Every structure is written in C-alpha cells, then in structure tokens.
Amino acid sequence: MNQSELDQAVARATGESVRTIARMGFVPLTPIPIEREPLVAHWDESDAERPGLFSERQPDPTSR
C-alpha cells in the first residue's frame, strides 16, 4: 500500500477529506517499530566552531 492509498483508506474510514488526512501524516505500521536516533543539538560544539559576536567583554557605555 502506498501513501496515497493509505490516505484514501483512512479518509473513507473517518469521513475526513484526503487532504486533511494527508496533512496529519499517517504512515503504515511496521511489525518492528523503527527506532530513530533523537535529533540533538550540541550547542557548545556549534558555538565553538563559529566566531562569536561578543567574544570579548565590551565596556558598558553607561558605567562612566
């Protein structure tokens, strides 16, 4: 069953439009769940790889 056929079958069963079902993101079930690696951002590594806008402490103009 392809994605279009699945969307149509769910739409028929629920009474929703195929467009609404397609936006909901139904997917075929698999016998063994697919475990995906979590999406993780390593902000410290990312920040270390690019020059910072404020890499040095700027004097406070109001502290005169």
N, C-alpha and C. Protein backbone atom coordinates (compact mmCIF):
# COMPACT_ATOMS: atom_id res chain seq x y z
N MET A 1 0.85 -1.18 0.00
CA MET A 1 0.00 0.00 0.00
C MET A 1 0.89 1.23 0.00
N ASN A 2 0.67 2.10 -0.96
CA ASN A 2 1.48 3.33 -0.99
C ASN A 2 0.79 4.41 -0.15
N GLN A 3 1.45 5.57 -0.03
CA GLN A 3 0.94 6.64 0.83
C GLN A 3 -0.42 7.15 0.38
N SER A 4 -0.60 7.30 -0.91
CA SER A 4 -1.87 7.79 -1.45
C SER A 4 -3.02 6.83 -1.11
N GLU A 5 -2.78 5.53 -1.29
CA GLU A 5 -3.81 4.53 -0.98
C GLU A 5 -4.14 4.54 0.51
N LEU A 6 -3.13 4.69 1.34
CA LEU A 6 -3.34 4.75 2.79
C LEU A 6 -4.18 5.97 3.16
N ASP A 7 -3.82 7.13 2.61
CA ASP A 7 -4.57 8.35 2.90
C ASP A 7 -6.04 8.20 2.48
N GLN A 8 -6.27 7.60 1.33
CA GLN A 8 -7.64 7.41 0.84
C GLN A 8 -8.42 6.46 1.74
N ALA A 9 -7.77 5.39 2.19
CA ALA A 9 -8.44 4.42 3.05
C ALA A 9 -8.81 5.05 4.40
N VAL A 10 -7.90 5.81 4.97
CA VAL A 10 -8.17 6.47 6.25
C VAL A 10 -9.27 7.52 6.07
N ALA A 11 -9.25 8.24 4.97
CA ALA A 11 -10.27 9.25 4.71
C ALA A 11 -11.66 8.60 4.60
N ARG A 12 -11.73 7.47 3.91
CA ARG A 12 -13.01 6.76 3.79
C ARG A 12 -13.50 6.29 5.16
N ALA A 13 -12.57 5.78 5.98
CA ALA A 13 -12.95 5.24 7.28
C ALA A 13 -13.35 6.33 8.28
N THR A 14 -12.77 7.51 8.16
CA THR A 14 -13.03 8.57 9.13
C THR A 14 -14.03 9.61 8.66
N GLY A 15 -14.25 9.67 7.34
CA GLY A 15 -15.13 10.70 6.81
C GLY A 15 -14.45 12.03 6.59
N GLU A 16 -13.15 12.10 6.85
CA GLU A 16 -12.38 13.32 6.61
C GLU A 16 -11.98 13.37 5.14
N SER A 17 -11.54 14.55 4.71
CA SER A 17 -11.05 14.66 3.34
C SER A 17 -9.66 14.03 3.24
N VAL A 18 -9.32 13.59 2.03
CA VAL A 18 -7.99 13.01 1.81
C VAL A 18 -6.93 14.06 2.12
N ARG A 19 -7.18 15.31 1.80
CA ARG A 19 -6.23 16.39 2.06
C ARG A 19 -5.96 16.53 3.57
N THR A 20 -7.03 16.47 4.37
CA THR A 20 -6.87 16.57 5.82
C THR A 20 -6.06 15.39 6.34
N ILE A 21 -6.37 14.21 5.89
CA ILE A 21 -5.64 13.01 6.33
C ILE A 21 -4.17 13.10 5.92
N ALA A 22 -3.90 13.57 4.70
CA ALA A 22 -2.52 13.68 4.23
C ALA A 22 -1.72 14.64 5.12
N ARG A 23 -2.35 15.72 5.58
CA ARG A 23 -1.66 16.68 6.44
C ARG A 23 -1.39 16.11 7.83
N MET A 24 -2.17 15.10 8.24
CA MET A 24 -1.99 14.50 9.57
C MET A 24 -0.80 13.55 9.63
N GLY A 25 -0.32 13.09 8.48
CA GLY A 25 0.91 12.30 8.43
C GLY A 25 0.76 10.84 8.83
N PHE A 26 -0.33 10.20 8.45
CA PHE A 26 -0.47 8.77 8.73
C PHE A 26 0.60 7.99 7.98
N VAL A 27 1.12 6.95 8.62
CA VAL A 27 2.12 6.09 7.98
C VAL A 27 1.73 4.63 8.22
N PRO A 28 2.14 3.74 7.33
CA PRO A 28 1.85 2.32 7.55
C PRO A 28 2.57 1.81 8.80
N LEU A 29 1.91 0.93 9.54
CA LEU A 29 2.55 0.31 10.70
C LEU A 29 3.49 -0.77 10.23
N THR A 30 4.57 -0.95 10.95
CA THR A 30 5.53 -1.99 10.63
C THR A 30 5.53 -3.02 11.76
N PRO A 31 5.87 -4.27 11.46
CA PRO A 31 5.88 -5.28 12.51
C PRO A 31 6.90 -4.96 13.61
N ILE A 32 7.99 -4.38 13.23
CA ILE A 32 9.02 -4.00 14.20
C ILE A 32 9.12 -2.48 14.16
N PRO A 33 8.88 -1.81 15.29
CA PRO A 33 8.96 -0.35 15.28
C PRO A 33 10.34 0.14 14.85
N ILE A 34 10.34 1.21 14.10
CA ILE A 34 11.60 1.81 13.66
C ILE A 34 12.02 2.82 14.71
N GLU A 35 13.12 2.55 15.36
CA GLU A 35 13.64 3.48 16.37
C GLU A 35 14.59 4.44 15.69
N ARG A 36 14.31 5.70 15.80
CA ARG A 36 15.16 6.72 15.19
C ARG A 36 16.02 7.36 16.26
N GLU A 37 17.19 7.76 15.84
CA GLU A 37 18.07 8.48 16.75
C GLU A 37 17.44 9.83 17.05
N PRO A 38 17.47 10.26 18.30
CA PRO A 38 16.90 11.57 18.61
C PRO A 38 17.70 12.68 17.94
N LEU A 39 17.02 13.73 17.55
CA LEU A 39 17.69 14.89 16.97
C LEU A 39 18.20 15.74 18.12
N VAL A 40 19.50 15.89 18.18
CA VAL A 40 20.12 16.59 19.30
C VAL A 40 21.02 17.69 18.75
N ALA A 41 20.96 18.83 19.37
CA ALA A 41 21.85 19.94 19.00
C ALA A 41 22.92 20.07 20.09
N HIS A 42 24.17 20.06 19.68
CA HIS A 42 25.28 20.25 20.61
C HIS A 42 25.69 21.71 20.52
N TRP A 43 25.02 22.54 21.32
CA TRP A 43 25.21 23.98 21.20
C TRP A 43 26.62 24.42 21.56
N ASP A 44 27.25 23.78 22.55
CA ASP A 44 28.61 24.17 22.92
C ASP A 44 29.57 23.93 21.76
N GLU A 45 29.43 22.78 21.08
CA GLU A 45 30.29 22.50 19.93
C GLU A 45 29.99 23.46 18.79
N SER A 46 28.73 23.73 18.56
CA SER A 46 28.35 24.65 17.49
C SER A 46 28.90 26.05 17.74
N ASP A 47 28.77 26.51 18.97
CA ASP A 47 29.28 27.84 19.30
C ASP A 47 30.79 27.92 19.20
N ALA A 48 31.48 26.82 19.53
CA ALA A 48 32.94 26.82 19.48
C ALA A 48 33.45 26.86 18.04
N GLU A 49 32.65 26.39 17.08
CA GLU A 49 33.08 26.32 15.69
C GLU A 49 32.91 27.64 14.94
N ARG A 50 32.19 28.59 15.49
CA ARG A 50 31.98 29.84 14.78
C ARG A 50 32.41 31.01 15.66
N PRO A 51 32.92 32.04 15.03
CA PRO A 51 33.34 33.19 15.83
C PRO A 51 32.13 33.87 16.45
N GLY A 52 32.26 34.26 17.69
CA GLY A 52 31.15 34.89 18.39
C GLY A 52 31.08 36.38 18.09
N LEU A 53 29.90 36.92 18.19
CA LEU A 53 29.74 38.36 18.01
C LEU A 53 30.30 39.13 19.19
N PHE A 54 30.22 38.52 20.35
CA PHE A 54 30.68 39.19 21.57
C PHE A 54 31.74 38.32 22.24
N SER A 55 32.78 38.00 21.49
CA SER A 55 33.81 37.11 22.03
C SER A 55 34.59 37.76 23.17
N GLU A 56 34.72 39.07 23.16
CA GLU A 56 35.38 39.77 24.25
C GLU A 56 34.36 40.63 24.96
N ARG A 57 34.55 40.82 26.23
CA ARG A 57 33.60 41.62 27.00
C ARG A 57 33.72 43.07 26.57
N GLN A 58 32.61 43.66 26.20
CA GLN A 58 32.55 45.04 25.77
C GLN A 58 32.32 45.94 27.00
N PRO A 59 32.96 47.10 27.05
CA PRO A 59 32.72 48.01 28.18
C PRO A 59 31.28 48.51 28.16
N ASP A 60 30.72 48.68 29.32
CA ASP A 60 29.36 49.18 29.46
C ASP A 60 29.40 50.70 29.28
N PRO A 61 28.71 51.22 28.23
CA PRO A 61 28.78 52.67 27.97
C PRO A 61 28.11 53.51 29.05
N THR A 62 27.29 52.92 29.87
CA THR A 62 26.60 53.68 30.93
C THR A 62 27.37 53.70 32.23
N SER A 63 28.54 53.06 32.31
CA SER A 63 29.27 52.96 33.58
C SER A 63 30.32 54.04 33.75
N ARG A 64 30.24 55.13 33.05
CA ARG A 64 31.24 56.19 33.17
C ARG A 64 31.06 57.01 34.38
